N, C-alpha and C. Protein backbone atom coordinates (compact mmCIF):
# COMPACT_ATOMS: atom_id res chain seq x y z
N MET A 1 98.30 209.87 127.75
CA MET A 1 98.50 211.31 127.73
C MET A 1 99.49 211.71 128.80
N ASN A 2 100.42 212.59 128.47
CA ASN A 2 101.41 213.07 129.42
C ASN A 2 100.80 214.12 130.33
N ASP A 3 101.05 213.99 131.62
CA ASP A 3 100.53 214.95 132.59
C ASP A 3 101.44 216.18 132.70
N LEU A 4 102.75 215.97 132.59
CA LEU A 4 103.71 217.04 132.83
C LEU A 4 104.94 216.78 131.98
N ILE A 5 105.45 217.81 131.32
CA ILE A 5 106.64 217.66 130.48
C ILE A 5 107.60 218.79 130.82
N ALA A 6 108.90 218.44 130.96
CA ALA A 6 109.93 219.44 131.21
C ALA A 6 111.15 219.12 130.35
N GLU A 7 111.70 220.14 129.71
CA GLU A 7 112.94 219.95 128.97
C GLU A 7 114.10 220.14 129.94
N VAL A 8 115.07 219.24 129.90
CA VAL A 8 116.21 219.26 130.82
C VAL A 8 117.43 219.79 130.09
N PHE A 9 118.16 220.70 130.76
CA PHE A 9 119.36 221.32 130.19
C PHE A 9 120.55 221.07 131.10
N HIS A 10 121.75 221.03 130.49
CA HIS A 10 123.01 220.98 131.23
C HIS A 10 123.90 222.05 130.62
N ASN A 11 124.29 223.04 131.41
CA ASN A 11 125.08 224.17 130.90
C ASN A 11 124.45 224.79 129.66
N GLU A 12 123.17 225.04 129.73
CA GLU A 12 122.38 225.68 128.67
C GLU A 12 122.24 224.82 127.41
N GLU A 13 122.65 223.56 127.45
CA GLU A 13 122.50 222.65 126.32
C GLU A 13 121.32 221.71 126.58
N PRO A 14 120.40 221.58 125.64
CA PRO A 14 119.28 220.66 125.85
C PRO A 14 119.77 219.22 125.90
N VAL A 15 119.31 218.51 126.92
CA VAL A 15 119.78 217.15 127.18
C VAL A 15 118.69 216.12 126.93
N GLY A 16 117.46 216.43 127.33
CA GLY A 16 116.38 215.47 127.17
C GLY A 16 115.08 215.98 127.73
N ILE A 17 114.15 215.06 127.87
CA ILE A 17 112.80 215.37 128.33
C ILE A 17 112.47 214.55 129.58
N LEU A 18 111.95 215.22 130.58
CA LEU A 18 111.43 214.58 131.79
C LEU A 18 109.92 214.72 131.74
N PHE A 19 109.23 213.59 131.91
CA PHE A 19 107.77 213.68 131.86
C PHE A 19 107.13 212.71 132.84
N ARG A 20 105.90 213.04 133.20
CA ARG A 20 105.11 212.20 134.10
C ARG A 20 103.95 211.64 133.31
N GLN A 21 103.75 210.34 133.46
CA GLN A 21 102.65 209.67 132.78
C GLN A 21 102.09 208.62 133.73
N ASN A 22 100.79 208.72 133.98
CA ASN A 22 100.12 207.78 134.89
C ASN A 22 100.82 207.71 136.25
N ASP A 23 101.16 208.87 136.78
CA ASP A 23 101.80 209.01 138.10
C ASP A 23 103.17 208.37 138.19
N LYS A 24 103.84 208.15 137.07
CA LYS A 24 105.23 207.66 137.04
C LYS A 24 106.06 208.66 136.26
N TYR A 25 107.33 208.80 136.64
CA TYR A 25 108.22 209.74 135.98
C TYR A 25 109.18 209.00 135.05
N PHE A 26 109.45 209.61 133.89
CA PHE A 26 110.32 209.04 132.88
C PHE A 26 111.27 210.12 132.39
N PHE A 27 112.47 209.71 132.01
CA PHE A 27 113.43 210.64 131.42
C PHE A 27 113.98 210.02 130.15
N ASN A 28 113.99 210.80 129.08
CA ASN A 28 114.56 210.37 127.80
C ASN A 28 115.60 211.38 127.36
N TYR A 29 116.83 210.89 127.17
CA TYR A 29 117.88 211.74 126.60
C TYR A 29 117.59 211.98 125.13
N TYR A 30 117.99 213.14 124.63
CA TYR A 30 118.00 213.37 123.19
C TYR A 30 119.12 212.52 122.59
N ASP A 31 118.91 211.98 121.40
CA ASP A 31 119.91 211.11 120.76
C ASP A 31 121.26 211.80 120.63
N ALA A 32 121.28 213.06 120.25
CA ALA A 32 122.54 213.78 120.05
C ALA A 32 123.35 213.85 121.34
N TYR A 33 122.70 214.03 122.46
CA TYR A 33 123.41 214.09 123.75
C TYR A 33 123.87 212.70 124.17
N LEU A 34 123.01 211.73 124.02
CA LEU A 34 123.29 210.37 124.47
C LEU A 34 124.44 209.73 123.71
N THR A 35 124.54 210.00 122.43
CA THR A 35 125.59 209.37 121.62
C THR A 35 126.95 210.04 121.76
N ASP A 36 127.01 211.23 122.35
CA ASP A 36 128.27 211.92 122.58
C ASP A 36 128.86 211.43 123.90
N LYS A 37 129.86 210.57 123.82
CA LYS A 37 130.43 209.93 125.01
C LYS A 37 131.21 210.90 125.91
N THR A 38 131.45 212.14 125.45
CA THR A 38 132.13 213.12 126.28
C THR A 38 131.17 213.84 127.22
N LYS A 39 129.88 213.66 127.02
CA LYS A 39 128.87 214.33 127.85
C LYS A 39 128.62 213.53 129.13
N PRO A 40 128.49 214.22 130.26
CA PRO A 40 128.24 213.52 131.52
C PRO A 40 126.79 213.09 131.68
N ALA A 41 126.58 212.09 132.51
CA ALA A 41 125.21 211.71 132.87
C ALA A 41 124.59 212.88 133.66
N ILE A 42 123.32 213.05 133.55
CA ILE A 42 122.65 214.14 134.24
C ILE A 42 122.50 213.84 135.72
N SER A 43 122.25 212.61 136.05
CA SER A 43 122.06 212.21 137.45
C SER A 43 122.46 210.74 137.59
N LEU A 44 122.97 210.39 138.75
CA LEU A 44 123.32 209.00 138.99
C LEU A 44 122.09 208.11 139.05
N THR A 45 120.92 208.71 139.30
CA THR A 45 119.69 207.91 139.39
C THR A 45 118.91 207.88 138.09
N LEU A 46 119.37 208.61 137.07
CA LEU A 46 118.75 208.56 135.76
C LEU A 46 119.65 207.72 134.85
N PRO A 47 119.07 207.00 133.93
CA PRO A 47 119.88 206.15 133.04
C PRO A 47 120.81 206.96 132.15
């Protein structure tokens, strides 16, 4: 079960989901954002 979920945006565009599960944090890009090679990474520490 997810403890916390947040939708992440870049310039008002939805980018992905940040969530906490079992006291660990995970980030998943939306496929549409990830496959567009013109879009920047959200953070240097996120994949």
